[in-house]
């Protein structure tokens, strides 16, 4: 179905678009990934625990955490994580990713040997626990 506007309707449409463009706030809003005990802010790249303590992460540790926490419950293969966090120009190395996951767990997990946030899906990859609600 094709809808054609009259010249008057087209003019009103253009004015509406211009008005909305001027009136709407176009500054970014902070989209934080919050769990019961973890706050991940992508704009200032800060992670804070439930006690308000900042957790210091490397750039890639933050990228990995933010990516997983942005896709709660979705399982990613190691290859998918590598592509999404490191990009296509890096050679995939499963042991490198496992090392990043281990280091990240040591920093964010209350009990790293019993992960609560980053869950291993055996034979597939990793996911961020969907039970951790904002």
N, C-alpha and C. Protein backbone atom coordinates (compact mmCIF):
# COMPACT_ATOMS: atom_id res chain seq x y z
N UNK A 1 0.83 -1.17 0.00
CA UNK A 1 0.00 0.00 0.00
C UNK A 1 0.89 1.24 0.00
N UNK A 2 0.68 2.12 -0.92
CA UNK A 2 1.44 3.36 -1.02
C UNK A 2 0.54 4.51 -0.60
N UNK A 3 1.03 5.32 0.30
CA UNK A 3 0.28 6.48 0.78
C UNK A 3 0.95 7.72 0.22
N UNK A 4 0.15 8.52 -0.43
CA UNK A 4 0.69 9.76 -0.97
C UNK A 4 0.13 10.93 -0.17
N UNK A 5 1.01 11.87 0.18
CA UNK A 5 0.61 13.05 0.92
C UNK A 5 0.30 14.18 -0.04
N UNK A 6 -0.66 15.00 0.35
CA UNK A 6 -0.88 16.23 -0.38
C UNK A 6 0.25 17.18 -0.03
N UNK A 7 0.36 18.27 -0.72
CA UNK A 7 1.43 19.23 -0.43
C UNK A 7 1.28 19.78 0.99
N UNK A 8 0.04 20.03 1.42
CA UNK A 8 -0.21 20.54 2.76
C UNK A 8 0.19 19.50 3.82
N UNK A 9 -0.18 18.24 3.61
CA UNK A 9 0.17 17.18 4.56
C UNK A 9 1.69 16.99 4.62
N UNK A 10 2.34 17.06 3.47
CA UNK A 10 3.79 16.93 3.42
C UNK A 10 4.46 18.06 4.19
N UNK A 11 3.93 19.26 4.06
CA UNK A 11 4.47 20.42 4.76
C UNK A 11 4.30 20.26 6.28
N UNK A 12 3.12 19.79 6.70
CA UNK A 12 2.87 19.55 8.12
C UNK A 12 3.82 18.48 8.65
N UNK A 13 4.02 17.44 7.86
CA UNK A 13 4.94 16.37 8.26
C UNK A 13 6.35 16.93 8.43
N UNK A 14 6.83 17.70 7.51
CA UNK A 14 8.17 18.28 7.59
C UNK A 14 8.31 19.18 8.81
N UNK A 15 7.29 20.00 9.07
CA UNK A 15 7.32 20.88 10.24
C UNK A 15 7.35 20.07 11.54
N UNK A 16 6.59 18.99 11.56
CA UNK A 16 6.56 18.12 12.74
C UNK A 16 7.92 17.50 12.99
N UNK A 17 8.55 17.02 11.94
CA UNK A 17 9.87 16.42 12.06
C UNK A 17 10.88 17.45 12.56
N UNK A 18 10.84 18.66 12.02
CA UNK A 18 11.75 19.72 12.45
C UNK A 18 11.51 20.07 13.92
N UNK A 19 10.24 20.19 14.30
CA UNK A 19 9.92 20.53 15.68
C UNK A 19 10.40 19.45 16.64
N UNK A 20 10.12 18.19 16.29
CA UNK A 20 10.57 17.09 17.14
C UNK A 20 12.09 17.05 17.25
N UNK A 21 12.78 17.33 16.16
CA UNK A 21 14.23 17.33 16.16
C UNK A 21 14.78 18.39 17.11
N UNK A 22 14.11 19.52 17.17
CA UNK A 22 14.56 20.60 18.05
C UNK A 22 14.22 20.32 19.51
N UNK A 23 13.07 19.71 19.76
CA UNK A 23 12.57 19.55 21.13
C UNK A 23 13.06 18.30 21.85
N UNK A 24 13.33 17.25 21.09
CA UNK A 24 13.74 16.01 21.74
C UNK A 24 15.19 16.08 22.18
N UNK A 25 15.44 15.52 23.34
CA UNK A 25 16.79 15.45 23.86
C UNK A 25 17.57 14.42 23.05
N UNK A 26 18.70 14.82 22.51
CA UNK A 26 19.49 13.89 21.72
C UNK A 26 20.77 13.48 22.43
N UNK A 27 20.94 13.90 23.67
CA UNK A 27 22.13 13.48 24.40
C UNK A 27 21.92 12.05 24.87
N UNK A 28 23.00 11.28 24.91
CA UNK A 28 22.85 9.87 25.29
C UNK A 28 22.41 9.72 26.73
N UNK A 29 21.64 8.70 26.96
CA UNK A 29 21.25 8.38 28.32
C UNK A 29 22.15 7.25 28.81
N UNK A 30 22.29 7.15 30.09
CA UNK A 30 23.14 6.11 30.65
C UNK A 30 22.32 4.82 30.71
N UNK A 31 22.79 3.83 30.01
CA UNK A 31 22.14 2.53 30.02
C UNK A 31 23.05 1.62 30.82
N UNK A 32 22.72 1.46 32.08
CA UNK A 32 23.53 0.64 32.96
C UNK A 32 22.98 -0.76 33.02
N UNK A 33 23.88 -1.71 33.06
CA UNK A 33 23.49 -3.09 33.26
C UNK A 33 23.64 -3.35 34.75
N UNK A 34 22.50 -3.48 35.42
CA UNK A 34 22.54 -3.71 36.86
C UNK A 34 22.09 -5.13 37.19
N UNK A 35 22.76 -5.72 38.13
CA UNK A 35 22.31 -6.98 38.70
C UNK A 35 22.05 -6.68 40.16
N UNK A 36 21.73 -7.68 40.91
CA UNK A 36 21.50 -7.46 42.34
C UNK A 36 22.75 -6.96 43.05
N UNK A 37 23.91 -7.33 42.53
CA UNK A 37 25.15 -6.98 43.21
C UNK A 37 26.18 -6.31 42.34
N UNK A 38 25.88 -6.06 41.09
CA UNK A 38 26.87 -5.55 40.15
C UNK A 38 26.25 -4.47 39.28
N UNK A 39 26.97 -3.38 39.08
CA UNK A 39 26.52 -2.31 38.21
C UNK A 39 27.60 -2.07 37.14
N UNK A 40 27.20 -2.15 35.87
CA UNK A 40 28.13 -2.01 34.75
C UNK A 40 27.70 -0.80 33.94
N UNK A 41 28.51 0.26 33.95
CA UNK A 41 28.18 1.49 33.22
C UNK A 41 29.06 1.60 31.98
N UNK A 42 28.46 1.50 30.77
CA UNK A 42 29.26 1.52 29.55
C UNK A 42 29.82 2.89 29.18
N UNK A 43 29.25 3.97 29.71
CA UNK A 43 29.70 5.29 29.32
C UNK A 43 30.96 5.72 30.05
N UNK A 44 31.06 5.38 31.31
CA UNK A 44 32.29 5.71 32.03
C UNK A 44 33.14 4.47 32.27
N UNK A 45 32.64 3.31 31.77
CA UNK A 45 33.36 2.04 31.83
C UNK A 45 33.75 1.68 33.26
N UNK A 46 32.79 1.87 34.16
CA UNK A 46 33.02 1.57 35.57
C UNK A 46 32.10 0.44 36.00
N UNK A 47 32.66 -0.48 36.77
CA UNK A 47 31.89 -1.57 37.37
C UNK A 47 31.96 -1.38 38.87
N UNK A 48 30.79 -1.45 39.52
CA UNK A 48 30.70 -1.23 40.96
C UNK A 48 29.99 -2.43 41.58
N UNK A 49 30.51 -2.92 42.70
CA UNK A 49 29.88 -4.04 43.38
C UNK A 49 28.77 -3.55 44.31
N UNK A 50 28.11 -4.48 45.00
CA UNK A 50 26.96 -4.13 45.85
C UNK A 50 27.34 -3.23 47.01
N UNK A 51 28.62 -3.21 47.40
CA UNK A 51 29.08 -2.36 48.50
C UNK A 51 29.51 -0.98 48.01
N UNK A 52 29.35 -0.72 46.73
CA UNK A 52 29.74 0.57 46.18
C UNK A 52 31.21 0.66 45.84
N UNK A 53 31.90 -0.47 45.90
CA UNK A 53 33.33 -0.50 45.59
C UNK A 53 33.54 -0.67 44.09
N UNK A 54 34.38 0.16 43.53
CA UNK A 54 34.69 0.06 42.11
C UNK A 54 35.59 -1.15 41.87
N UNK A 55 35.26 -1.91 40.83
CA UNK A 55 36.06 -3.07 40.45
C UNK A 55 36.89 -2.66 39.24
N UNK A 56 38.19 -2.73 39.36
CA UNK A 56 39.08 -2.30 38.28
C UNK A 56 39.28 -3.44 37.29
N UNK A 57 38.87 -3.18 36.04
CA UNK A 57 38.99 -4.16 34.97
C UNK A 57 39.87 -3.61 33.85
N UNK A 58 40.51 -4.52 33.14
CA UNK A 58 41.21 -4.10 31.93
C UNK A 58 40.16 -3.76 30.87
N UNK A 59 40.58 -3.13 29.80
CA UNK A 59 39.64 -2.74 28.74
C UNK A 59 38.90 -3.95 28.18
N UNK A 60 39.61 -5.02 27.90
CA UNK A 60 38.97 -6.21 27.33
C UNK A 60 38.11 -6.95 28.36
N UNK A 61 38.52 -6.95 29.62
CA UNK A 61 37.68 -7.55 30.66
C UNK A 61 36.35 -6.80 30.74
N UNK A 62 36.42 -5.47 30.69
CA UNK A 62 35.19 -4.69 30.72
C UNK A 62 34.34 -4.99 29.50
N UNK A 63 34.95 -4.99 28.31
CA UNK A 63 34.21 -5.26 27.08
C UNK A 63 33.51 -6.61 27.14
N UNK A 64 34.21 -7.61 27.64
CA UNK A 64 33.65 -8.95 27.75
C UNK A 64 32.48 -8.97 28.73
N UNK A 65 32.67 -8.37 29.90
CA UNK A 65 31.60 -8.31 30.90
C UNK A 65 30.39 -7.56 30.37
N UNK A 66 30.63 -6.42 29.74
CA UNK A 66 29.51 -5.63 29.23
C UNK A 66 28.76 -6.38 28.13
N UNK A 67 29.49 -7.02 27.25
CA UNK A 67 28.84 -7.77 26.17
C UNK A 67 27.96 -8.88 26.75
N UNK A 68 28.51 -9.67 27.66
CA UNK A 68 27.73 -10.76 28.24
C UNK A 68 26.54 -10.25 29.05
N UNK A 69 26.76 -9.21 29.86
CA UNK A 69 25.66 -8.70 30.69
C UNK A 69 24.59 -8.01 29.86
N UNK A 70 24.93 -7.58 28.66
CA UNK A 70 23.95 -6.97 27.76
C UNK A 70 23.08 -8.01 27.08
N UNK A 71 23.49 -9.26 27.16
CA UNK A 71 22.76 -10.36 26.51
C UNK A 71 22.47 -11.46 27.52
N UNK A 72 21.87 -11.08 28.65
CA UNK A 72 21.61 -12.03 29.74
C UNK A 72 20.87 -13.27 29.22
N UNK A 73 21.39 -14.42 29.63
CA UNK A 73 20.74 -15.67 29.29
C UNK A 73 21.10 -16.23 27.92
N UNK A 74 21.65 -15.40 27.06
CA UNK A 74 22.01 -15.87 25.72
C UNK A 74 23.36 -16.56 25.77
N UNK A 75 23.42 -17.76 25.23
CA UNK A 75 24.65 -18.54 25.23
C UNK A 75 25.47 -18.19 24.00
N UNK A 76 26.76 -17.92 24.22
CA UNK A 76 27.68 -17.59 23.13
C UNK A 76 28.80 -18.62 23.09
N UNK A 77 29.13 -19.06 21.89
CA UNK A 77 30.29 -19.93 21.74
C UNK A 77 31.54 -19.09 21.98
N UNK A 78 32.65 -19.75 22.20
CA UNK A 78 33.90 -19.02 22.37
C UNK A 78 34.22 -18.22 21.11
N UNK A 79 33.93 -18.79 19.96
CA UNK A 79 34.19 -18.09 18.70
C UNK A 79 33.34 -16.82 18.59
N UNK A 80 32.07 -16.91 18.98
CA UNK A 80 31.19 -15.74 18.93
C UNK A 80 31.66 -14.65 19.89
N UNK A 81 32.08 -15.03 21.07
CA UNK A 81 32.60 -14.04 22.02
C UNK A 81 33.85 -13.38 21.48
N UNK A 82 34.71 -14.19 20.93
CA UNK A 82 35.95 -13.65 20.38
C UNK A 82 35.66 -12.66 19.26
N UNK A 83 34.73 -13.00 18.37
CA UNK A 83 34.37 -12.10 17.26
C UNK A 83 33.75 -10.81 17.76
N UNK A 84 32.85 -10.92 18.76
CA UNK A 84 32.12 -9.74 19.23
C UNK A 84 32.94 -8.84 20.14
N UNK A 85 33.86 -9.39 20.88
CA UNK A 85 34.64 -8.58 21.82
C UNK A 85 35.98 -8.15 21.23
N UNK A 86 36.65 -9.06 20.54
CA UNK A 86 37.96 -8.74 19.98
C UNK A 86 37.88 -8.27 18.53
N UNK A 87 36.87 -8.70 17.81
CA UNK A 87 36.72 -8.32 16.41
C UNK A 87 37.29 -9.38 15.48
N UNK A 88 37.01 -9.19 14.22
CA UNK A 88 37.38 -10.18 13.20
C UNK A 88 38.87 -10.22 12.90
N UNK A 89 39.60 -9.16 13.20
CA UNK A 89 41.01 -9.11 12.83
C UNK A 89 41.94 -9.84 13.81
N UNK A 90 41.38 -10.45 14.84
CA UNK A 90 42.19 -11.21 15.79
C UNK A 90 42.02 -12.70 15.53
N UNK A 91 43.05 -13.43 15.71
CA UNK A 91 43.02 -14.88 15.54
C UNK A 91 42.42 -15.50 16.79
N UNK A 92 41.47 -16.38 16.60
CA UNK A 92 40.78 -17.02 17.71
C UNK A 92 41.72 -17.93 18.49
N UNK A 93 41.70 -17.79 19.81
CA UNK A 93 42.50 -18.63 20.69
C UNK A 93 41.65 -18.96 21.91
N UNK A 94 41.14 -20.19 21.97
CA UNK A 94 40.23 -20.60 23.04
C UNK A 94 40.88 -20.48 24.42
N UNK A 95 42.17 -20.77 24.52
CA UNK A 95 42.81 -20.69 25.83
C UNK A 95 42.92 -19.24 26.31
N UNK A 96 43.10 -18.31 25.38
CA UNK A 96 43.15 -16.89 25.73
C UNK A 96 41.81 -16.44 26.29
N UNK A 97 40.71 -16.85 25.66
CA UNK A 97 39.39 -16.48 26.14
C UNK A 97 39.12 -17.10 27.51
N UNK A 98 39.49 -18.35 27.68
CA UNK A 98 39.30 -19.01 28.97
C UNK A 98 40.07 -18.27 30.07
N UNK A 99 41.26 -17.79 29.74
CA UNK A 99 42.07 -17.03 30.69
C UNK A 99 41.38 -15.72 31.06
N UNK A 100 40.80 -15.02 30.06
CA UNK A 100 40.08 -13.77 30.34
C UNK A 100 38.87 -14.03 31.23
N UNK A 101 38.13 -15.09 30.94
CA UNK A 101 36.96 -15.43 31.76
C UNK A 101 37.40 -15.72 33.19
N UNK A 102 38.46 -16.48 33.36
CA UNK A 102 38.96 -16.82 34.70
C UNK A 102 39.37 -15.55 35.47
N UNK A 103 40.11 -14.66 34.81
CA UNK A 103 40.55 -13.42 35.47
C UNK A 103 39.36 -12.53 35.81
N UNK A 104 38.40 -12.47 34.90
CA UNK A 104 37.21 -11.65 35.14
C UNK A 104 36.41 -12.20 36.32
N UNK A 105 36.25 -13.51 36.38
CA UNK A 105 35.55 -14.12 37.51
C UNK A 105 36.24 -13.84 38.83
N UNK A 106 37.56 -13.87 38.84
CA UNK A 106 38.29 -13.57 40.08
C UNK A 106 37.99 -12.16 40.58
N UNK A 107 37.69 -11.26 39.66
CA UNK A 107 37.44 -9.87 40.05
C UNK A 107 35.98 -9.60 40.40
N UNK A 108 35.04 -10.26 39.73
CA UNK A 108 33.63 -9.89 39.93
C UNK A 108 32.80 -10.89 40.71
N UNK A 109 33.20 -12.14 40.73
CA UNK A 109 32.38 -13.17 41.36
C UNK A 109 32.60 -13.18 42.87
N UNK A 110 31.53 -13.28 43.67
CA UNK A 110 31.69 -13.40 45.12
C UNK A 110 32.50 -14.65 45.48
N UNK A 111 32.23 -15.75 44.78
CA UNK A 111 32.98 -17.00 44.97
C UNK A 111 33.38 -17.46 43.57
N UNK A 112 34.59 -17.11 43.12
CA UNK A 112 35.00 -17.41 41.74
C UNK A 112 34.90 -18.87 41.33
N UNK A 113 35.08 -19.80 42.28
CA UNK A 113 34.99 -21.22 41.95
C UNK A 113 33.55 -21.69 41.75
N UNK A 114 32.60 -20.88 42.20
CA UNK A 114 31.17 -21.16 41.99
C UNK A 114 30.55 -19.92 41.34
N UNK A 115 30.78 -19.73 40.03
CA UNK A 115 30.35 -18.50 39.36
C UNK A 115 28.85 -18.25 39.47
N UNK A 116 28.55 -17.01 39.73
CA UNK A 116 27.16 -16.57 39.84
C UNK A 116 26.75 -15.75 38.63
N UNK A 117 27.69 -15.04 38.03
CA UNK A 117 27.38 -14.16 36.91
C UNK A 117 27.71 -14.79 35.56
N UNK A 118 28.96 -15.11 35.36
CA UNK A 118 29.38 -15.69 34.08
C UNK A 118 29.36 -17.21 34.22
N UNK A 119 28.40 -17.80 33.53
CA UNK A 119 28.15 -19.22 33.64
C UNK A 119 28.73 -19.97 32.44
N UNK A 120 29.40 -21.08 32.70
CA UNK A 120 29.90 -21.95 31.64
C UNK A 120 28.78 -22.88 31.21
N UNK A 121 28.53 -22.92 29.90
CA UNK A 121 27.58 -23.87 29.33
C UNK A 121 28.45 -24.93 28.67
N UNK A 122 28.64 -26.05 29.35
CA UNK A 122 29.59 -27.06 28.92
C UNK A 122 29.32 -27.54 27.50
N UNK A 123 30.38 -27.56 26.71
CA UNK A 123 30.29 -28.01 25.33
C UNK A 123 29.82 -26.94 24.37
N UNK A 124 29.45 -25.77 24.89
CA UNK A 124 28.95 -24.69 24.03
C UNK A 124 29.77 -23.42 24.21
N UNK A 125 29.74 -22.85 25.40
CA UNK A 125 30.43 -21.58 25.63
C UNK A 125 30.07 -20.97 26.97
N UNK A 126 29.68 -19.68 26.94
CA UNK A 126 29.40 -18.94 28.17
C UNK A 126 28.13 -18.11 28.01
N UNK A 127 27.56 -17.76 29.16
CA UNK A 127 26.41 -16.85 29.19
C UNK A 127 26.46 -16.06 30.49
N UNK A 128 25.75 -14.94 30.51
CA UNK A 128 25.57 -14.19 31.74
C UNK A 128 24.28 -14.70 32.36
N UNK A 129 24.32 -15.01 33.63
CA UNK A 129 23.18 -15.60 34.33
C UNK A 129 21.91 -14.75 34.19
N UNK A 130 20.90 -15.30 33.57
CA UNK A 130 19.65 -14.57 33.38
C UNK A 130 18.87 -14.39 34.68
N UNK A 131 19.23 -15.12 35.74
CA UNK A 131 18.56 -15.00 37.02
C UNK A 131 18.97 -13.72 37.75
N UNK A 132 20.08 -13.11 37.34
CA UNK A 132 20.53 -11.87 37.97
C UNK A 132 19.72 -10.73 37.38
N UNK A 133 18.70 -10.31 38.11
CA UNK A 133 17.77 -9.30 37.60
C UNK A 133 18.24 -7.90 37.96
N UNK A 134 17.96 -6.93 37.08
CA UNK A 134 18.32 -5.53 37.39
C UNK A 134 17.54 -4.99 38.56
